[in-house]
Amino acid sequence: MAITRIQLLSIPVTDQDRAKDFYVDTLGFELLGDNQMGPDQRWVQVAPKGAATSITLVTWFDTMPPGSVKGLVLETDDLDGDVADLTRRGVPIDGGIQDAPWGRYVSFDDPDGNGIVLQATTARG
């Protein structure tokens, strides 16, 4: 096998504009592309700044209903600051920051109910 990386992950959404606003304006991702693919399809691609893997916000996969993705894990170097920013931006963070043997994390949903984990992993020695 010559697989070298994960290039892209599709996240199912109901409204690409609303999802794009959340991922770009709320989470601070970069908009990498927003292009018409055909009469009823758009390619909306976002990613954290400098990330090798990006996300497409899709509406066209019948087998992937909006809200069906759970466990999208995002890493941060400033969990406390990011949680404060998300809270100010109206993102509900149920349960607050949780401690685990490997670090700290919070869980929240995007506007369609796709589950996101924002974590700060403890340095491994």
PDB file of N, CA and C in Angstrom:
ATOM      1  N   MET A   1       0.844  -1.178   0.000  1.00  0.00           N
ATOM      2  CA  MET A   1       0.000   0.000   0.000  1.00  0.00           C
ATOM      3  C   MET A   1       0.889   1.240   0.000  1.00  0.00           C
ATOM      4  N   ALA A   2       0.481   2.238  -0.758  1.00  0.00           N
ATOM      5  CA  ALA A   2       1.259   3.476  -0.855  1.00  0.00           C
ATOM      6  C   ALA A   2       0.468   4.682  -0.374  1.00  0.00           C
ATOM      7  N   ILE A   3      -0.481   4.458   0.525  1.00  0.00           N
ATOM      8  CA  ILE A   3      -1.293   5.555   1.053  1.00  0.00           C
ATOM      9  C   ILE A   3      -0.412   6.435   1.934  1.00  0.00           C
ATOM     10  N   THR A   4      -0.482   7.747   1.718  1.00  0.00           N
ATOM     11  CA  THR A   4       0.389   8.657   2.451  1.00  0.00           C
ATOM     12  C   THR A   4      -0.327   9.612   3.389  1.00  0.00           C
ATOM     13  N   ARG A   5      -1.632   9.857   3.176  1.00  0.00           N
ATOM     14  CA  ARG A   5      -2.335  10.803   4.049  1.00  0.00           C
ATOM     15  C   ARG A   5      -3.828  10.742   3.782  1.00  0.00           C
ATOM     16  N   ILE A   6      -4.579  11.342   4.673  1.00  0.00           N
ATOM     17  CA  ILE A   6      -6.001  11.558   4.450  1.00  0.00           C
ATOM     18  C   ILE A   6      -6.124  12.936   3.826  1.00  0.00           C
ATOM     19  N   GLN A   7      -6.666  12.997   2.632  1.00  0.00           N
ATOM     20  CA  GLN A   7      -6.773  14.267   1.924  1.00  0.00           C
ATOM     21  C   GLN A   7      -8.036  15.026   2.291  1.00  0.00           C
ATOM     22  N   LEU A   8      -9.171  14.302   2.384  1.00  0.00           N
ATOM     23  CA  LEU A   8     -10.464  14.957   2.444  1.00  0.00           C
ATOM     24  C   LEU A   8     -11.449  14.133   3.241  1.00  0.00           C
ATOM     25  N   LEU A   9     -12.318  14.810   3.975  1.00  0.00           N
ATOM     26  CA  LEU A   9     -13.391  14.178   4.717  1.00  0.00           C
ATOM     27  C   LEU A   9     -14.674  14.922   4.371  1.00  0.00           C
ATOM     28  N   SER A  10     -15.723  14.201   4.031  1.00  0.00           N
ATOM     29  CA  SER A  10     -17.002  14.836   3.709  1.00  0.00           C
ATOM     30  C   SER A  10     -17.889  14.884   4.945  1.00  0.00           C
ATOM     31  N   ILE A  11     -18.460  16.060   5.206  1.00  0.00           N
ATOM     32  CA  ILE A  11     -19.387  16.271   6.317  1.00  0.00           C
ATOM     33  C   ILE A  11     -20.752  16.595   5.712  1.00  0.00           C
ATOM     34  N   PRO A  12     -21.782  15.785   6.014  1.00  0.00           N
ATOM     35  CA  PRO A  12     -23.103  16.035   5.448  1.00  0.00           C
ATOM     36  C   PRO A  12     -23.833  17.164   6.171  1.00  0.00           C
ATOM     37  N   VAL A  13     -24.357  18.101   5.385  1.00  0.00           N
ATOM     38  CA  VAL A  13     -25.052  19.267   5.934  1.00  0.00           C
ATOM     39  C   VAL A  13     -26.348  19.499   5.163  1.00  0.00           C
ATOM     40  N   THR A  14     -27.260  20.266   5.744  1.00  0.00           N
ATOM     41  CA  THR A  14     -28.503  20.592   5.045  1.00  0.00           C
ATOM     42  C   THR A  14     -28.380  21.876   4.247  1.00  0.00           C
ATOM     43  N   ASP A  15     -27.595  22.818   4.751  1.00  0.00           N
ATOM     44  CA  ASP A  15     -27.460  24.137   4.128  1.00  0.00           C
ATOM     45  C   ASP A  15     -25.972  24.479   4.061  1.00  0.00           C
ATOM     46  N   GLN A  16     -25.416  24.465   2.857  1.00  0.00           N
ATOM     47  CA  GLN A  16     -23.979  24.686   2.707  1.00  0.00           C
ATOM     48  C   GLN A  16     -23.556  26.092   3.138  1.00  0.00           C
ATOM     49  N   ASP A  17     -24.381  27.080   2.915  1.00  0.00           N
ATOM     50  CA  ASP A  17     -24.024  28.439   3.335  1.00  0.00           C
ATOM     51  C   ASP A  17     -23.955  28.546   4.850  1.00  0.00           C
ATOM     52  N   ARG A  18     -24.938  27.995   5.537  1.00  0.00           N
ATOM     53  CA  ARG A  18     -24.942  28.017   7.009  1.00  0.00           C
ATOM     54  C   ARG A  18     -23.744  27.235   7.557  1.00  0.00           C
ATOM     55  N   ALA A  19     -23.469  26.073   6.973  1.00  0.00           N
ATOM     56  CA  ALA A  19     -22.339  25.259   7.412  1.00  0.00           C
ATOM     57  C   ALA A  19     -21.014  25.978   7.145  1.00  0.00           C
ATOM     58  N   LYS A  20     -20.898  26.588   5.966  1.00  0.00           N
ATOM     59  CA  LYS A  20     -19.679  27.332   5.633  1.00  0.00           C
ATOM     60  C   LYS A  20     -19.465  28.460   6.639  1.00  0.00           C
ATOM     61  N   ASP A  21     -20.515  29.187   6.977  1.00  0.00           N
ATOM     62  CA  ASP A  21     -20.404  30.260   7.974  1.00  0.00           C
ATOM     63  C   ASP A  21     -19.910  29.716   9.311  1.00  0.00           C
ATOM     64  N   PHE A  22     -20.428  28.558   9.724  1.00  0.00           N
ATOM     65  CA  PHE A  22     -20.012  27.973  10.998  1.00  0.00           C
ATOM     66  C   PHE A  22     -18.543  27.572  10.972  1.00  0.00           C
ATOM     67  N   TYR A  23     -18.145  26.826   9.955  1.00  0.00           N
ATOM     68  CA  TYR A  23     -16.767  26.329   9.911  1.00  0.00           C
ATOM     69  C   TYR A  23     -15.755  27.453   9.668  1.00  0.00           C
ATOM     70  N   VAL A  24     -16.117  28.459   8.878  1.00  0.00           N
ATOM     71  CA  VAL A  24     -15.197  29.558   8.588  1.00  0.00           C
ATOM     72  C   VAL A  24     -15.269  30.639   9.664  1.00  0.00           C
ATOM     73  N   ASP A  25     -16.457  31.155   9.940  1.00  0.00           N
ATOM     74  CA  ASP A  25     -16.596  32.290  10.860  1.00  0.00           C
ATOM     75  C   ASP A  25     -16.526  31.887  12.331  1.00  0.00           C
ATOM     76  N   THR A  26     -17.078  30.733  12.679  1.00  0.00           N
ATOM     77  CA  THR A  26     -17.098  30.315  14.078  1.00  0.00           C
ATOM     78  C   THR A  26     -15.848  29.537  14.462  1.00  0.00           C
ATOM     79  N   LEU A  27     -15.464  28.550  13.624  1.00  0.00           N
ATOM     80  CA  LEU A  27     -14.296  27.734  13.954  1.00  0.00           C
ATOM     81  C   LEU A  27     -12.986  28.315  13.419  1.00  0.00           C
ATOM     82  N   GLY A  28     -13.065  29.291  12.528  1.00  0.00           N
ATOM     83  CA  GLY A  28     -11.850  29.924  12.021  1.00  0.00           C
ATOM     84  C   GLY A  28     -11.148  29.172  10.909  1.00  0.00           C
ATOM     85  N   PHE A  29     -11.849  28.234  10.270  1.00  0.00           N
ATOM     86  CA  PHE A  29     -11.255  27.505   9.150  1.00  0.00           C
ATOM     87  C   PHE A  29     -11.087  28.434   7.957  1.00  0.00           C
ATOM     88  N   GLU A  30     -10.203  28.054   7.046  1.00  0.00           N
ATOM     89  CA  GLU A  30     -10.046  28.778   5.785  1.00  0.00           C
ATOM     90  C   GLU A  30     -10.995  28.197   4.753  1.00  0.00           C
ATOM     91  N   LEU A  31     -11.553  29.061   3.936  1.00  0.00           N
ATOM     92  CA  LEU A  31     -12.376  28.618   2.811  1.00  0.00           C
ATOM     93  C   LEU A  31     -11.425  28.325   1.658  1.00  0.00           C
ATOM     94  N   LEU A  32     -11.329  27.060   1.281  1.00  0.00           N
ATOM     95  CA  LEU A  32     -10.427  26.655   0.211  1.00  0.00           C
ATOM     96  C   LEU A  32     -11.108  26.660  -1.150  1.00  0.00           C
ATOM     97  N   GLY A  33     -12.416  26.498  -1.153  1.00  0.00           N
ATOM     98  CA  GLY A  33     -13.138  26.506  -2.419  1.00  0.00           C
ATOM     99  C   GLY A  33     -14.631  26.553  -2.205  1.00  0.00           C
ATOM    100  N   ASP A  34     -15.316  27.235  -3.103  1.00  0.00           N
ATOM    101  CA  ASP A  34     -16.774  27.287  -3.119  1.00  0.00           C
ATOM    102  C   ASP A  34     -17.150  27.421  -4.585  1.00  0.00           C
ATOM    103  N   ASN A  35     -17.355  26.275  -5.230  1.00  0.00           N
ATOM    104  CA  ASN A  35     -17.563  26.242  -6.672  1.00  0.00           C
ATOM    105  C   ASN A  35     -18.779  25.412  -7.048  1.00  0.00           C
ATOM    106  N   GLN A  36     -19.479  25.867  -8.044  1.00  0.00           N
ATOM    107  CA  GLN A  36     -20.613  25.128  -8.582  1.00  0.00           C
ATOM    108  C   GLN A  36     -20.084  23.898  -9.313  1.00  0.00           C
ATOM    109  N   MET A  37     -20.665  22.728  -9.032  1.00  0.00           N
ATOM    110  CA  MET A  37     -20.259  21.480  -9.684  1.00  0.00           C
ATOM    111  C   MET A  37     -21.259  21.065 -10.746  1.00  0.00           C
ATOM    112  N   GLY A  38     -22.418  21.623 -10.734  1.00  0.00           N
ATOM    113  CA  GLY A  38     -23.496  21.266 -11.637  1.00  0.00           C
ATOM    114  C   GLY A  38     -24.705  22.064 -11.230  1.00  0.00           C
ATOM    115  N   PRO A  39     -25.836  21.784 -11.822  1.00  0.00           N
ATOM    116  CA  PRO A  39     -27.021  22.589 -11.520  1.00  0.00           C
ATOM    117  C   PRO A  39     -27.479  22.510 -10.058  1.00  0.00           C
ATOM    118  N   ASP A  40     -27.242  21.394  -9.394  1.00  0.00           N
ATOM    119  CA  ASP A  40     -27.733  21.223  -8.021  1.00  0.00           C
ATOM    120  C   ASP A  40     -26.645  20.869  -7.024  1.00  0.00           C
ATOM    121  N   GLN A  41     -25.383  21.058  -7.374  1.00  0.00           N
ATOM    122  CA  GLN A  41     -24.316  20.689  -6.459  1.00  0.00           C
ATOM    123  C   GLN A  41     -23.232  21.760  -6.406  1.00  0.00           C
ATOM    124  N   ARG A  42     -22.768  22.007  -5.164  1.00  0.00           N
ATOM    125  CA  ARG A  42     -21.643  22.920  -4.932  1.00  0.00           C
ATOM    126  C   ARG A  42     -20.538  22.175  -4.220  1.00  0.00           C
ATOM    127  N   TRP A  43     -19.315  22.543  -4.521  1.00  0.00           N
ATOM    128  CA  TRP A  43     -18.143  22.016  -3.828  1.00  0.00           C
ATOM    129  C   TRP A  43     -17.689  23.091  -2.848  1.00  0.00           C
ATOM    130  N   VAL A  44     -17.954  22.874  -1.553  1.00  0.00           N
ATOM    131  CA  VAL A  44     -17.539  23.805  -0.511  1.00  0.00           C
ATOM    132  C   VAL A  44     -16.482  23.084   0.323  1.00  0.00           C
ATOM    133  N   GLN A  45     -15.259  23.597   0.289  1.00  0.00           N
ATOM    134  CA  GLN A  45     -14.128  22.946   0.944  1.00  0.00           C
ATOM    135  C   GLN A  45     -13.488  23.908   1.940  1.00  0.00           C
ATOM    136  N   VAL A  46     -13.297  23.426   3.179  1.00  0.00           N
ATOM    137  CA  VAL A  46     -12.724  24.222   4.259  1.00  0.00           C
ATOM    138  C   VAL A  46     -11.651  23.409   4.970  1.00  0.00           C
ATOM    139  N   ALA A  47     -10.774  24.110   5.701  1.00  0.00           N
ATOM    140  CA  ALA A  47      -9.747  23.419   6.484  1.00  0.00           C
ATOM    141  C   ALA A  47      -9.190  24.368   7.542  1.00  0.00           C
ATOM    142  N   PRO A  48      -8.703  23.799   8.654  1.00  0.00           N
ATOM    143  CA  PRO A  48      -7.958  24.634   9.583  1.00  0.00           C
ATOM    144  C   PRO A  48      -6.732  25.206   8.868  1.00  0.00           C
ATOM    145  N   LYS A  49      -6.313  26.376   9.270  1.00  0.00           N
ATOM    146  CA  LYS A  49      -5.142  27.003   8.637  1.00  0.00           C
ATOM    147  C   LYS A  49      -3.937  26.073   8.703  1.00  0.00           C
ATOM    148  N   GLY A  50      -3.327  25.827   7.552  1.00  0.00           N
ATOM    149  CA  GLY A  50      -2.129  25.005   7.475  1.00  0.00           C
ATOM    150  C   GLY A  50      -2.347  23.510   7.540  1.00  0.00           C
ATOM    151  N   ALA A  51      -3.587  23.051   7.617  1.00  0.00           N
ATOM    152  CA  ALA A  51      -3.857  21.617   7.741  1.00  0.00           C
ATOM    153  C   ALA A  51      -3.643  20.883   6.420  1.00  0.00           C
ATOM    154  N   ALA A  52      -3.211  19.634   6.514  1.00  0.00           N
ATOM    155  CA  ALA A  52      -3.038  18.798   5.330  1.00  0.00           C
ATOM    156  C   ALA A  52      -4.363  18.177   4.889  1.00  0.00           C
ATOM    157  N   THR A  53      -5.279  17.980   5.822  1.00  0.00           N
ATOM    158  CA  THR A  53      -6.571  17.388   5.523  1.00  0.00           C
ATOM    159  C   THR A  53      -7.643  18.467   5.521  1.00  0.00           C
ATOM    160  N   SER A  54      -8.531  18.406   4.541  1.00  0.00           N
ATOM    161  CA  SER A  54      -9.614  19.385   4.475  1.00  0.00           C
ATOM    162  C   SER A  54     -10.968  18.680   4.542  1.00  0.00           C
ATOM    163  N   ILE A  55     -12.005  19.483   4.614  1.00  0.00           N
ATOM    164  CA  ILE A  55     -13.379  18.996   4.757  1.00  0.00           C
ATOM    165  C   ILE A  55     -14.213  19.557   3.621  1.00  0.00           C
ATOM    166  N   THR A  56     -15.068  18.718   3.041  1.00  0.00           N
ATOM    167  CA  THR A  56     -16.077  19.215   2.115  1.00  0.00           C
ATOM    168  C   THR A  56     -17.418  19.169   2.843  1.00  0.00           C
ATOM    169  N   LEU A  57     -18.195  20.207   2.656  1.00  0.00           N
ATOM    170  CA  LEU A  57     -19.530  20.317   3.252  1.00  0.00           C
ATOM    171  C   LEU A  57     -20.510  19.915   2.162  1.00  0.00           C
ATOM    172  N   VAL A  58     -21.070  18.712   2.286  1.00  0.00           N
ATOM    173  CA  VAL A  58     -21.823  18.095   1.191  1.00  0.00           C
ATOM    174  C   VAL A  58     -23.307  17.958   1.498  1.00  0.00           C
ATOM    175  N   THR A  59     -24.090  17.979   0.426  1.00  0.00           N
ATOM    176  CA  THR A  59     -25.542  17.794   0.543  1.00  0.00           C
ATOM    177  C   THR A  59     -26.039  16.648  -0.324  1.00  0.00           C
ATOM    178  N   TRP A  60     -25.175  16.015  -1.074  1.00  0.00           N
ATOM    179  CA  TRP A  60     -25.621  15.113  -2.134  1.00  0.00           C
ATOM    180  C   TRP A  60     -25.442  13.624  -1.879  1.00  0.00           C
ATOM    181  N   PHE A  61     -24.978  13.219  -0.693  1.00  0.00           N
ATOM    182  CA  PHE A  61     -24.850  11.787  -0.415  1.00  0.00           C
ATOM    183  C   PHE A  61     -26.083  11.301   0.339  1.00  0.00           C
ATOM    184  N   ASP A  62     -26.941  10.537  -0.340  1.00  0.00           N
ATOM    185  CA  ASP A  62     -28.166  10.038   0.295  1.00  0.00           C
ATOM    186  C   ASP A  62     -27.874   9.151   1.505  1.00  0.00           C
ATOM    187  N   THR A  63     -26.754   8.463   1.483  1.00  0.00           N
ATOM    188  CA  THR A  63     -26.421   7.552   2.585  1.00  0.00           C
ATOM    189  C   THR A  63     -25.761   8.267   3.759  1.00  0.00           C
ATOM    190  N   MET A  64     -25.544   9.582   3.631  1.00  0.00           N
ATOM    191  CA  MET A  64     -24.951  10.372   4.707  1.00  0.00           C
ATOM    192  C   MET A  64     -25.892  11.510   5.081  1.00  0.00           C
ATOM    193  N   PRO A  65     -26.873  11.243   5.931  1.00  0.00           N
ATOM    194  CA  PRO A  65     -27.783  12.325   6.308  1.00  0.00           C
ATOM    195  C   PRO A  65     -27.077  13.365   7.173  1.00  0.00           C
ATOM    196  N   PRO A  66     -27.484  14.628   7.058  1.00  0.00           N
ATOM    197  CA  PRO A  66     -26.905  15.674   7.912  1.00  0.00           C
ATOM    198  C   PRO A  66     -26.998  15.281   9.385  1.00  0.00           C
ATOM    199  N   GLY A  67     -25.915  15.505  10.099  1.00  0.00           N
ATOM    200  CA  GLY A  67     -25.865  15.165  11.519  1.00  0.00           C
ATOM    201  C   GLY A  67     -25.366  13.764  11.797  1.00  0.00           C
ATOM    202  N   SER A  68     -25.037  12.999  10.771  1.00  0.00           N
ATOM    203  CA  SER A  68     -24.639  11.603  10.979  1.00  0.00           C
ATOM    204  C   SER A  68     -23.165  11.415  11.303  1.00  0.00           C
ATOM    205  N   VAL A  69     -22.351  12.450  11.147  1.00  0.00           N
ATOM    206  CA  VAL A  69     -20.932  12.328  11.483  1.00  0.00           C
ATOM    207  C   VAL A  69     -20.759  12.600  12.974  1.00  0.00           C
ATOM    208  N   LYS A  70     -20.094  11.705  13.652  1.00  0.00           N
ATOM    209  CA  LYS A  70     -19.808  11.854  15.081  1.00  0.00           C
ATOM    210  C   LYS A  70     -18.328  11.585  15.293  1.00  0.00           C
ATOM    211  N   GLY A  71     -17.703  12.364  16.149  1.00  0.00           N
ATOM    212  CA  GLY A  71     -16.321  12.104  16.494  1.00  0.00           C
ATOM    213  C   GLY A  71     -15.298  12.744  15.581  1.00  0.00           C
ATOM    214  N   LEU A  72     -15.662  13.848  14.921  1.00  0.00           N
ATOM    215  CA  LEU A  72     -14.653  14.622  14.194  1.00  0.00           C
ATOM    216  C   LEU A  72     -13.785  15.283  15.254  1.00  0.00           C
ATOM    217  N   VAL A  73     -12.510  14.921  15.325  1.00  0.00           N
ATOM    218  CA  VAL A  73     -11.625  15.400  16.378  1.00  0.00           C
ATOM    219  C   VAL A  73     -10.712  16.488  15.826  1.00  0.00           C
ATOM    220  N   LEU A  74     -10.753  17.640  16.474  1.00  0.00           N
ATOM    221  CA  LEU A  74      -9.909  18.777  16.123  1.00  0.00           C
ATOM    222  C   LEU A  74      -8.941  19.024  17.271  1.00  0.00           C
ATOM    223  N   GLU A  75      -7.682  19.279  16.952  1.00  0.00           N
ATOM    224  CA  GLU A  75      -6.660  19.530  17.971  1.00  0.00           C
ATOM    225  C   GLU A  75      -6.458  21.036  18.120  1.00  0.00           C
ATOM    226  N   THR A  76      -6.230  21.484  19.341  1.00  0.00           N
ATOM    227  CA  THR A  76      -5.965  22.896  19.617  1.00  0.00           C
ATOM    228  C   THR A  76      -4.789  23.039  20.575  1.00  0.00           C
ATOM    229  N   ASP A  77      -4.098  24.148  20.468  1.00  0.00           N
ATOM    230  CA  ASP A  77      -3.028  24.481  21.402  1.00  0.00           C
ATOM    231  C   ASP A  77      -3.538  25.364  22.540  1.00  0.00           C
ATOM    232  N   ASP A  78      -4.808  25.812  22.455  1.00  0.00           N
ATOM    233  CA  ASP A  78      -5.377  26.700  23.470  1.00  0.00           C
ATOM    234  C   ASP A  78      -6.844  26.342  23.709  1.00  0.00           C
ATOM    235  N   LEU A  79      -7.062  25.234  24.380  1.00  0.00           N
ATOM    236  CA  LEU A  79      -8.426  24.763  24.613  1.00  0.00           C
ATOM    237  C   LEU A  79      -9.249  25.780  25.393  1.00  0.00           C
ATOM    238  N   ASP A  80      -8.701  26.340  26.452  1.00  0.00           N
ATOM    239  CA  ASP A  80      -9.457  27.297  27.267  1.00  0.00           C
ATOM    240  C   ASP A  80      -9.862  28.520  26.446  1.00  0.00           C
ATOM    241  N   GLY A  81      -8.924  29.065  25.680  1.00  0.00           N
ATOM    242  CA  GLY A  81      -9.222  30.230  24.842  1.00  0.00           C
ATOM    243  C   GLY A  81     -10.231  29.912  23.762  1.00  0.00           C
ATOM    244  N   ASP A  82     -10.095  28.742  23.134  1.00  0.00           N
ATOM    245  CA  ASP A  82     -11.032  28.369  22.074  1.00  0.00           C
ATOM    246  C   ASP A  82     -12.432  28.120  22.626  1.00  0.00           C
ATOM    247  N   VAL A  83     -12.523  27.501  23.783  1.00  0.00           N
ATOM    248  CA  VAL A  83     -13.835  27.278  24.405  1.00  0.00           C
ATOM    249  C   VAL A  83     -14.478  28.622  24.743  1.00  0.00           C
ATOM    250  N   ALA A  84     -13.703  29.562  25.251  1.00  0.00           N
ATOM    251  CA  ALA A  84     -14.243  30.893  25.551  1.00  0.00           C
ATOM    252  C   ALA A  84     -14.742  31.561  24.265  1.00  0.00           C
ATOM    253  N   ASP A  85     -13.978  31.460  23.183  1.00  0.00           N
ATOM    254  CA  ASP A  85     -14.396  32.036  21.902  1.00  0.00           C
ATOM    255  C   ASP A  85     -15.675  31.377  21.391  1.00  0.00           C
ATOM    256  N   LEU A  86     -15.722  30.053  21.435  1.00  0.00           N
ATOM    257  CA  LEU A  86     -16.911  29.337  20.952  1.00  0.00           C
ATOM    258  C   LEU A  86     -18.141  29.722  21.771  1.00  0.00           C
ATOM    259  N   THR A  87     -17.981  29.818  23.076  1.00  0.00           N
ATOM    260  CA  THR A  87     -19.095  30.198  23.943  1.00  0.00           C
ATOM    261  C   THR A  87     -19.579  31.606  23.608  1.00  0.00           C
ATOM    262  N   ARG A  88     -18.641  32.538  23.398  1.00  0.00           N
ATOM    263  CA  ARG A  88     -19.011  33.911  23.002  1.00  0.00           C
ATOM    264  C   ARG A  88     -19.745  33.929  21.665  1.00  0.00           C
ATOM    265  N   ARG A  89     -19.427  32.981  20.817  1.00  0.00           N
ATOM    266  CA  ARG A  89     -20.062  32.917  19.492  1.00  0.00           C
ATOM    267  C   ARG A  89     -21.352  32.113  19.501  1.00  0.00           C
ATOM    268  N   GLY A  90     -21.788  31.702  20.683  1.00  0.00           N
ATOM    269  CA  GLY A  90     -23.086  31.050  20.826  1.00  0.00           C
ATOM    270  C   GLY A  90     -23.091  29.550  20.630  1.00  0.00           C
ATOM    271  N   VAL A  91     -21.933  28.906  20.638  1.00  0.00           N
ATOM    272  CA  VAL A  91     -21.881  27.456  20.480  1.00  0.00           C
ATOM    273  C   VAL A  91     -22.080  26.810  21.848  1.00  0.00           C
ATOM    274  N   PRO A  92     -23.135  26.011  22.012  1.00  0.00           N
ATOM    275  CA  PRO A  92     -23.337  25.333  23.293  1.00  0.00           C
ATOM    276  C   PRO A  92     -22.261  24.269  23.535  1.00  0.00           C
ATOM    277  N   ILE A  93     -21.624  24.344  24.684  1.00  0.00           N
ATOM    278  CA  ILE A  93     -20.606  23.364  25.087  1.00  0.00           C
ATOM    279  C   ILE A  93     -21.165  22.657  26.316  1.00  0.00           C
ATOM    280  N   ASP A  94     -21.925  21.596  26.091  1.00  0.00           N
ATOM    281  CA  ASP A  94     -22.523  20.863  27.208  1.00  0.00           C
ATOM    282  C   ASP A  94     -21.445  20.092  27.952  1.00  0.00           C
ATOM    283  N   GLY A  95     -21.444  20.213  29.251  1.00  0.00           N
ATOM    284  CA  GLY A  95     -20.506  19.462  30.069  1.00  0.00           C
ATOM    285  C   GLY A  95     -19.176  20.152  30.315  1.00  0.00           C
ATOM    286  N   GLY A  96     -18.899  21.236  29.614  1.00  0.00           N
ATOM    287  CA  GLY A  96     -17.648  21.959  29.823  1.00  0.00           C
ATOM    288  C   GLY A  96     -16.426  21.138  29.451  1.00  0.00           C
ATOM    289  N   ILE A  97     -15.284  21.601  29.899  1.00  0.00           N
ATOM    290  CA  ILE A  97     -14.022  20.928  29.593  1.00  0.00           C
ATOM    291  C   ILE A  97     -13.899  19.666  30.439  1.00  0.00           C
ATOM    292  N   GLN A  98     -13.578  18.575  29.765  1.00  0.00           N
ATOM    293  CA  GLN A  98     -13.419  17.276  30.420  1.00  0.00           C
ATOM    294  C   GLN A  98     -11.935  16.914  30.472  1.00  0.00           C
ATOM    295  N   ASP A  99     -11.524  16.277  31.562  1.00  0.00           N
ATOM    296  CA  ASP A  99     -10.155  15.784  31.704  1.00  0.00           C
ATOM    297  C   ASP A  99     -10.117  14.302  31.368  1.00  0.00           C
ATOM    298  N   ALA A 100      -9.048  13.895  30.695  1.00  0.00           N
ATOM    299  CA  ALA A 100      -8.834  12.493  30.363  1.00  0.00           C
ATOM    300  C   ALA A 100      -7.342  12.197  30.560  1.00  0.00           C
ATOM    301  N   PRO A 101      -6.974  10.937  30.653  1.00  0.00           N
ATOM    302  CA  PRO A 101      -5.554  10.605  30.848  1.00  0.00           C
ATOM    303  C   PRO A 101      -4.643  11.148  29.740  1.00  0.00           C
ATOM    304  N   TRP A 102      -5.173  11.334  28.555  1.00  0.00           N
ATOM    305  CA  TRP A 102      -4.382  11.781  27.395  1.00  0.00           C
ATOM    306  C   TRP A 102      -4.450  13.285  27.156  1.00  0.00           C
ATOM    307  N   GLY A 103      -5.305  14.006  27.907  1.00  0.00           N
ATOM    308  CA  GLY A 103      -5.423  15.449  27.721  1.00  0.00           C
ATOM    309  C   GLY A 103      -6.772  15.966  28.174  1.00  0.00           C
ATOM    310  N   ARG A 104      -7.227  17.056  27.543  1.00  0.00           N
ATOM    311  CA  ARG A 104      -8.500  17.690  27.889  1.00  0.00           C
ATOM    312  C   ARG A 104      -9.299  17.903  26.611  1.00  0.00           C
ATOM    313  N   TYR A 105     -10.653  17.957  26.743  1.00  0.00           N
ATOM    314  CA  TYR A 105     -11.483  18.103  25.552  1.00  0.00           C
ATOM    315  C   TYR A 105     -12.861  18.649  25.888  1.00  0.00           C
ATOM    316  N   VAL A 106     -13.532  19.119  24.847  1.00  0.00           N
ATOM    317  CA  VAL A 106     -14.949  19.465  24.909  1.00  0.00           C
ATOM    318  C   VAL A 106     -15.625  18.846  23.694  1.00  0.00           C
ATOM    319  N   SER A 107     -16.924  18.677  23.800  1.00  0.00           N
ATOM    320  CA  SER A 107     -17.717  18.169  22.680  1.00  0.00           C
ATOM    321  C   SER A 107     -18.815  19.175  22.371  1.00  0.00           C
ATOM    322  N   PHE A 108     -19.089  19.345  21.091  1.00  0.00           N
ATOM    323  CA  PHE A 108     -20.178  20.208  20.651  1.00  0.00           C
ATOM    324  C   PHE A 108     -20.598  19.765  19.259  1.00  0.00           C
ATOM    325  N   ASP A 109     -21.679  20.342  18.767  1.00  0.00           N
ATOM    326  CA  ASP A 109     -22.209  19.989  17.455  1.00  0.00           C
ATOM    327  C   ASP A 109     -22.139  21.172  16.511  1.00  0.00           C
ATOM    328  N   ASP A 110     -22.030  20.863  15.217  1.00  0.00           N
ATOM    329  CA  ASP A 110     -22.189  21.911  14.207  1.00  0.00           C
ATOM    330  C   ASP A 110     -23.682  22.179  14.044  1.00  0.00           C
ATOM    331  N   PRO A 111     -24.102  23.127  13.225  1.00  0.00           N
ATOM    332  CA  PRO A 111     -25.531  23.453  13.120  1.00  0.00           C
ATOM    333  C   PRO A 111     -26.430  22.291  12.676  1.00  0.00           C
ATOM    334  N   ASP A 112     -25.857  21.255  12.064  1.00  0.00           N
ATOM    335  CA  ASP A 112     -26.649  20.107  11.624  1.00  0.00           C
ATOM    336  C   ASP A 112     -26.617  18.953  12.607  1.00  0.00           C
ATOM    337  N   GLY A 113     -25.859  19.083  13.694  1.00  0.00           N
ATOM    338  CA  GLY A 113     -25.780  18.007  14.672  1.00  0.00           C
ATOM    339  C   GLY A 113     -24.610  17.056  14.455  1.00  0.00           C
ATOM    340  N   ASN A 114     -23.709  17.368  13.533  1.00  0.00           N
ATOM    341  CA  ASN A 114     -22.496  16.575  13.404  1.00  0.00           C
ATOM    342  C   ASN A 114     -21.641  16.823  14.640  1.00  0.00           C
ATOM    343  N   GLY A 115     -21.160  15.748  15.266  1.00  0.00           N
ATOM    344  CA  GLY A 115     -20.449  15.847  16.533  1.00  0.00           C
ATOM    345  C   GLY A 115     -18.976  16.159  16.368  1.00  0.00           C
ATOM    346  N   ILE A 116     -18.516  17.155  17.105  1.00  0.00           N
ATOM    347  CA  ILE A 116     -17.126  17.600  17.048  1.00  0.00           C
ATOM    348  C   ILE A 116     -16.517  17.500  18.441  1.00  0.00           C
ATOM    349  N   VAL A 117     -15.281  17.020  18.494  1.00  0.00           N
ATOM    350  CA  VAL A 117     -14.498  16.997  19.723  1.00  0.00           C
ATOM    351  C   VAL A 117     -13.326  17.947  19.506  1.00  0.00           C
ATOM    352  N   LEU A 118     -13.184  18.912  20.389  1.00  0.00           N
ATOM    353  CA  LEU A 118     -12.046  19.824  20.356  1.00  0.00           C
ATOM    354  C   LEU A 118     -11.160  19.438  21.520  1.00  0.00           C
ATOM    355  N   GLN A 119      -9.907  19.068  21.227  1.00  0.00           N
ATOM    356  CA  GLN A 119      -9.055  18.529  22.286  1.00  0.00           C
ATOM    357  C   GLN A 119      -7.687  19.188  22.300  1.00  0.00           C
ATOM    358  N   ALA A 120      -7.094  19.124  23.476  1.00  0.00           N
ATOM    359  CA  ALA A 120      -5.702  19.515  23.691  1.00  0.00           C
ATOM    360  C   ALA A 120      -5.011  18.290  24.257  1.00  0.00           C
ATOM    361  N   THR A 121      -4.202  17.661  23.440  1.00  0.00           N
ATOM    362  CA  THR A 121      -3.536  16.437  23.848  1.00  0.00           C
ATOM    363  C   THR A 121      -2.311  16.777  24.692  1.00  0.00           C
ATOM    364  N   THR A 122      -2.156  16.039  25.787  1.00  0.00           N
ATOM    365  CA  THR A 122      -0.994  16.208  26.647  1.00  0.00           C
ATOM    366  C   THR A 122       0.246  15.721  25.905  1.00  0.00           C
ATOM    367  N   ALA A 123       1.322  16.477  26.032  1.00  0.00           N
ATOM    368  CA  ALA A 123       2.575  16.072  25.373  1.00  0.00           C
ATOM    369  C   ALA A 123       3.004  14.694  25.879  1.00  0.00           C
ATOM    370  N   ARG A 124       3.430  13.896  24.969  1.00  0.00           N
ATOM    371  CA  ARG A 124       3.890  12.551  25.334  1.00  0.00           C
ATOM    372  C   ARG A 124       5.401  12.593  25.541  1.00  0.00           C
ATOM    373  N   GLY A 125       5.859  11.957  26.609  1.00  0.00           N
ATOM    374  CA  GLY A 125       7.267  12.047  26.940  1.00  0.00           C
ATOM    375  C   GLY A 125       8.100  10.874  26.599  1.00  0.00           C
TER     376      GLY A 125
END
